N, C-alpha and C. Protein backbone atom coordinates (compact mmCIF):
# COMPACT_ATOMS: atom_id res chain seq x y z
N UNK A 1 0.84 -1.16 0.00
CA UNK A 1 0.00 0.00 0.00
C UNK A 1 0.89 1.23 0.00
N UNK A 2 0.60 2.18 -0.86
CA UNK A 2 1.41 3.39 -0.92
C UNK A 2 0.77 4.50 -0.09
N UNK A 3 1.58 5.45 0.29
CA UNK A 3 1.12 6.58 1.09
C UNK A 3 1.44 7.85 0.35
N UNK A 4 0.50 8.78 0.33
CA UNK A 4 0.72 10.07 -0.30
C UNK A 4 1.69 10.89 0.53
N UNK A 5 2.75 11.37 -0.10
CA UNK A 5 3.70 12.24 0.56
C UNK A 5 3.83 13.49 -0.28
N UNK A 6 3.62 14.64 0.33
CA UNK A 6 3.74 15.89 -0.40
C UNK A 6 5.20 16.29 -0.47
N UNK A 7 5.64 16.69 -1.65
CA UNK A 7 7.03 17.07 -1.86
C UNK A 7 7.32 18.46 -1.32
N UNK A 8 6.33 19.29 -1.21
CA UNK A 8 6.50 20.64 -0.70
C UNK A 8 5.23 21.03 0.02
N UNK A 9 5.33 22.08 0.80
CA UNK A 9 4.18 22.49 1.58
C UNK A 9 3.21 23.31 0.72
N UNK A 10 2.00 22.85 0.66
CA UNK A 10 0.94 23.56 -0.04
C UNK A 10 0.01 24.13 1.01
N UNK A 11 -0.25 25.42 0.94
CA UNK A 11 -1.02 26.10 1.96
C UNK A 11 -2.33 26.65 1.40
N UNK A 12 -3.32 26.73 2.25
CA UNK A 12 -4.59 27.36 1.88
C UNK A 12 -4.40 28.87 1.90
N UNK A 13 -5.02 29.52 0.94
CA UNK A 13 -4.98 30.99 0.87
C UNK A 13 -6.38 31.58 1.04
N UNK A 14 -7.40 30.83 0.63
CA UNK A 14 -8.77 31.30 0.75
C UNK A 14 -9.71 30.10 0.66
N UNK A 15 -10.92 30.29 1.15
CA UNK A 15 -11.95 29.25 1.14
C UNK A 15 -13.23 29.87 0.61
N UNK A 16 -13.89 29.15 -0.27
CA UNK A 16 -15.21 29.57 -0.76
C UNK A 16 -16.13 28.37 -0.74
N UNK A 17 -17.42 28.65 -0.84
CA UNK A 17 -18.42 27.59 -0.82
C UNK A 17 -19.38 27.75 -1.98
N UNK A 18 -19.76 26.64 -2.56
CA UNK A 18 -20.89 26.59 -3.47
C UNK A 18 -22.01 25.91 -2.70
N UNK A 19 -23.11 25.66 -3.34
CA UNK A 19 -24.27 25.09 -2.66
C UNK A 19 -23.92 23.84 -1.84
N UNK A 20 -23.17 22.92 -2.43
CA UNK A 20 -22.86 21.69 -1.72
C UNK A 20 -21.40 21.28 -1.84
N UNK A 21 -20.50 22.28 -1.93
CA UNK A 21 -19.08 21.97 -1.97
C UNK A 21 -18.24 23.03 -1.27
N UNK A 22 -17.10 22.58 -0.79
CA UNK A 22 -16.08 23.41 -0.18
C UNK A 22 -14.96 23.55 -1.20
N UNK A 23 -14.53 24.77 -1.45
CA UNK A 23 -13.44 25.02 -2.39
C UNK A 23 -12.31 25.71 -1.66
N UNK A 24 -11.11 25.15 -1.80
CA UNK A 24 -9.92 25.71 -1.15
C UNK A 24 -8.97 26.20 -2.24
N UNK A 25 -8.59 27.45 -2.14
CA UNK A 25 -7.64 28.07 -3.07
C UNK A 25 -6.26 27.92 -2.44
N UNK A 26 -5.34 27.28 -3.15
CA UNK A 26 -4.04 26.92 -2.60
C UNK A 26 -2.93 27.86 -3.04
N UNK A 27 -1.85 27.87 -2.26
CA UNK A 27 -0.72 28.75 -2.51
C UNK A 27 0.00 28.43 -3.82
N UNK A 28 -0.14 27.21 -4.33
CA UNK A 28 0.54 26.86 -5.58
C UNK A 28 -0.33 27.10 -6.81
N UNK A 29 -1.48 27.75 -6.61
CA UNK A 29 -2.35 28.10 -7.73
C UNK A 29 -3.50 27.13 -7.97
N UNK A 30 -3.44 25.96 -7.36
CA UNK A 30 -4.53 25.00 -7.54
C UNK A 30 -5.77 25.43 -6.76
N UNK A 31 -6.89 24.95 -7.23
CA UNK A 31 -8.17 25.13 -6.54
C UNK A 31 -8.76 23.74 -6.39
N UNK A 32 -9.00 23.35 -5.15
CA UNK A 32 -9.48 22.01 -4.85
C UNK A 32 -10.89 22.12 -4.28
N UNK A 33 -11.79 21.30 -4.81
CA UNK A 33 -13.17 21.32 -4.36
C UNK A 33 -13.56 19.93 -3.88
N UNK A 34 -14.24 19.87 -2.73
CA UNK A 34 -14.71 18.60 -2.18
C UNK A 34 -16.16 18.78 -1.73
N UNK A 35 -16.92 17.69 -1.69
CA UNK A 35 -18.32 17.80 -1.26
C UNK A 35 -18.44 18.20 0.21
N UNK A 36 -19.39 19.05 0.53
CA UNK A 36 -19.64 19.41 1.92
C UNK A 36 -20.01 18.17 2.74
N UNK A 37 -20.59 17.19 2.11
CA UNK A 37 -20.97 15.96 2.81
C UNK A 37 -19.76 15.27 3.44
N UNK A 38 -18.56 15.55 2.96
CA UNK A 38 -17.35 14.98 3.55
C UNK A 38 -17.09 15.54 4.94
N UNK A 39 -17.64 16.72 5.21
CA UNK A 39 -17.42 17.41 6.48
C UNK A 39 -18.79 17.82 7.05
N UNK A 40 -19.45 16.91 7.76
CA UNK A 40 -20.83 17.13 8.20
C UNK A 40 -21.06 18.40 9.02
N UNK A 41 -20.08 18.82 9.80
CA UNK A 41 -20.29 20.06 10.57
C UNK A 41 -20.41 21.25 9.62
N UNK A 42 -19.64 21.25 8.57
CA UNK A 42 -19.78 22.32 7.57
C UNK A 42 -21.12 22.21 6.86
N UNK A 43 -21.50 20.99 6.53
CA UNK A 43 -22.77 20.75 5.85
C UNK A 43 -23.95 21.26 6.68
N UNK A 44 -23.91 21.02 7.98
CA UNK A 44 -25.01 21.40 8.86
C UNK A 44 -24.88 22.81 9.42
N UNK A 45 -23.77 23.47 9.15
CA UNK A 45 -23.60 24.84 9.60
C UNK A 45 -24.35 25.81 8.70
N UNK A 46 -24.54 27.01 9.20
CA UNK A 46 -25.18 28.04 8.39
C UNK A 46 -24.15 28.64 7.43
N UNK A 47 -24.65 29.33 6.46
CA UNK A 47 -23.76 30.01 5.51
C UNK A 47 -22.82 30.97 6.26
N UNK A 48 -23.39 31.71 7.18
CA UNK A 48 -22.59 32.66 7.96
C UNK A 48 -21.51 31.94 8.76
N UNK A 49 -21.83 30.82 9.38
CA UNK A 49 -20.84 30.06 10.16
C UNK A 49 -19.73 29.53 9.26
N UNK A 50 -20.08 29.06 8.07
CA UNK A 50 -19.07 28.54 7.14
C UNK A 50 -18.14 29.64 6.65
N UNK A 51 -18.67 30.83 6.45
CA UNK A 51 -17.87 31.92 5.91
C UNK A 51 -16.94 32.53 6.95
N UNK A 52 -17.14 32.22 8.22
CA UNK A 52 -16.27 32.73 9.28
C UNK A 52 -15.22 31.68 9.63
N UNK A 53 -14.16 31.66 8.85
CA UNK A 53 -13.08 30.69 9.05
C UNK A 53 -11.77 31.42 9.32
N UNK A 54 -10.82 30.67 9.84
CA UNK A 54 -9.47 31.19 10.08
C UNK A 54 -8.48 30.22 9.46
N UNK A 55 -7.46 30.75 8.80
CA UNK A 55 -6.36 29.91 8.34
C UNK A 55 -5.44 29.69 9.52
N UNK A 56 -5.08 28.45 9.78
CA UNK A 56 -4.19 28.15 10.90
C UNK A 56 -2.86 27.62 10.37
N UNK A 57 -1.80 27.88 11.11
CA UNK A 57 -0.47 27.43 10.69
C UNK A 57 -0.08 28.01 9.34
N UNK A 58 -0.36 29.28 9.12
CA UNK A 58 -0.05 29.95 7.84
C UNK A 58 -0.79 29.34 6.65
N UNK A 59 -1.84 28.58 6.91
CA UNK A 59 -2.62 27.98 5.84
C UNK A 59 -2.50 26.47 5.76
N UNK A 60 -1.82 25.86 6.74
CA UNK A 60 -1.73 24.39 6.77
C UNK A 60 -3.09 23.78 7.06
N UNK A 61 -3.94 24.55 7.71
CA UNK A 61 -5.27 24.08 8.05
C UNK A 61 -6.26 25.22 8.06
N UNK A 62 -7.52 24.86 8.25
CA UNK A 62 -8.61 25.82 8.27
C UNK A 62 -9.45 25.51 9.51
N UNK A 63 -9.83 26.56 10.23
CA UNK A 63 -10.61 26.40 11.46
C UNK A 63 -11.88 27.23 11.37
N UNK A 64 -13.01 26.62 11.76
CA UNK A 64 -14.30 27.30 11.84
C UNK A 64 -14.68 27.36 13.32
N UNK A 65 -14.46 28.50 13.98
CA UNK A 65 -14.73 28.60 15.42
C UNK A 65 -16.17 28.27 15.81
N UNK A 66 -17.14 28.78 15.09
CA UNK A 66 -18.54 28.57 15.44
C UNK A 66 -18.98 27.12 15.27
N UNK A 67 -18.26 26.37 14.43
CA UNK A 67 -18.62 24.98 14.16
C UNK A 67 -17.69 23.99 14.86
N UNK A 68 -16.65 24.51 15.51
CA UNK A 68 -15.64 23.67 16.15
C UNK A 68 -15.11 22.63 15.16
N UNK A 69 -14.76 23.08 13.97
CA UNK A 69 -14.29 22.21 12.89
C UNK A 69 -12.91 22.66 12.45
N UNK A 70 -12.03 21.69 12.24
CA UNK A 70 -10.69 21.94 11.71
C UNK A 70 -10.45 20.98 10.55
N UNK A 71 -9.91 21.51 9.47
CA UNK A 71 -9.58 20.69 8.31
C UNK A 71 -8.14 20.96 7.93
N UNK A 72 -7.39 19.89 7.73
CA UNK A 72 -5.99 19.96 7.34
C UNK A 72 -5.89 19.91 5.82
N UNK A 73 -5.14 20.83 5.22
CA UNK A 73 -5.01 20.89 3.76
C UNK A 73 -4.42 19.59 3.21
N UNK A 74 -3.43 19.05 3.87
CA UNK A 74 -2.83 17.79 3.42
C UNK A 74 -3.88 16.68 3.39
N UNK A 75 -4.77 16.66 4.38
CA UNK A 75 -5.84 15.66 4.41
C UNK A 75 -6.79 15.81 3.25
N UNK A 76 -7.13 17.04 2.91
CA UNK A 76 -8.01 17.28 1.75
C UNK A 76 -7.34 16.77 0.49
N UNK A 77 -6.06 17.10 0.32
CA UNK A 77 -5.34 16.67 -0.88
C UNK A 77 -5.21 15.15 -0.96
N UNK A 78 -5.19 14.50 0.20
CA UNK A 78 -5.11 13.04 0.24
C UNK A 78 -6.48 12.38 0.11
N UNK A 79 -7.54 13.19 0.08
CA UNK A 79 -8.88 12.64 -0.08
C UNK A 79 -9.49 12.12 1.20
N UNK A 80 -9.00 12.62 2.34
CA UNK A 80 -9.54 12.16 3.63
C UNK A 80 -10.76 12.98 4.03
N UNK A 81 -11.83 12.28 4.36
CA UNK A 81 -13.07 12.89 4.85
C UNK A 81 -12.98 13.04 6.36
N UNK A 82 -13.97 13.70 6.92
CA UNK A 82 -14.08 13.80 8.38
C UNK A 82 -14.16 12.40 8.96
N UNK A 83 -13.49 12.21 10.07
CA UNK A 83 -13.51 10.91 10.76
C UNK A 83 -14.39 10.97 12.01
N UNK A 84 -15.17 12.03 12.15
CA UNK A 84 -16.02 12.17 13.32
C UNK A 84 -17.08 11.06 13.35
N UNK A 85 -17.28 10.51 14.52
CA UNK A 85 -18.27 9.44 14.65
C UNK A 85 -19.69 10.01 14.55
N UNK A 86 -20.62 9.16 14.19
CA UNK A 86 -22.03 9.58 14.13
C UNK A 86 -22.51 10.06 15.49
N UNK A 87 -22.08 9.37 16.54
CA UNK A 87 -22.50 9.73 17.89
C UNK A 87 -21.98 11.13 18.25
N UNK A 88 -20.74 11.41 17.93
CA UNK A 88 -20.17 12.73 18.22
C UNK A 88 -20.89 13.81 17.43
N UNK A 89 -21.14 13.55 16.16
CA UNK A 89 -21.84 14.52 15.32
C UNK A 89 -23.25 14.77 15.86
N UNK A 90 -23.93 13.70 16.25
CA UNK A 90 -25.29 13.86 16.77
C UNK A 90 -25.30 14.66 18.07
N UNK A 91 -24.34 14.42 18.93
CA UNK A 91 -24.24 15.19 20.18
C UNK A 91 -24.02 16.67 19.87
N UNK A 92 -23.16 16.95 18.90
CA UNK A 92 -22.90 18.33 18.49
C UNK A 92 -24.17 18.97 17.93
N UNK A 93 -24.88 18.25 17.08
CA UNK A 93 -26.13 18.78 16.50
C UNK A 93 -27.18 19.01 17.58
N UNK A 94 -27.31 18.07 18.53
CA UNK A 94 -28.28 18.23 19.62
C UNK A 94 -27.97 19.47 20.45
N UNK A 95 -26.71 19.72 20.69
CA UNK A 95 -26.29 20.86 21.50
C UNK A 95 -26.59 22.18 20.79
N UNK A 96 -26.69 22.16 19.49
CA UNK A 96 -26.98 23.38 18.72
C UNK A 96 -28.45 23.76 18.76
N UNK A 97 -29.31 22.82 19.09
CA UNK A 97 -30.76 23.10 19.08
C UNK A 97 -31.21 23.91 20.24
């Protein structure tokens, strides 16, 4: 089994959203888009909550304070979805009500 290894550091520069996707604009000029369904907290967050993000580690990751969500750019490039359990997600959703 092979493992993805990045040859250089690729950083997030900006984040945008379409109806059902997250788009990350990267420092090397690429634009990567993934389904919001990969990150349920983003999917269930409001538009305003999604738009209030912070780049962390100079863009190594993205943090949404209102959603308590963190996404690592390397993980997105490797195709990794959220690993949050259904139980944890449900507890988070219940607490929001």
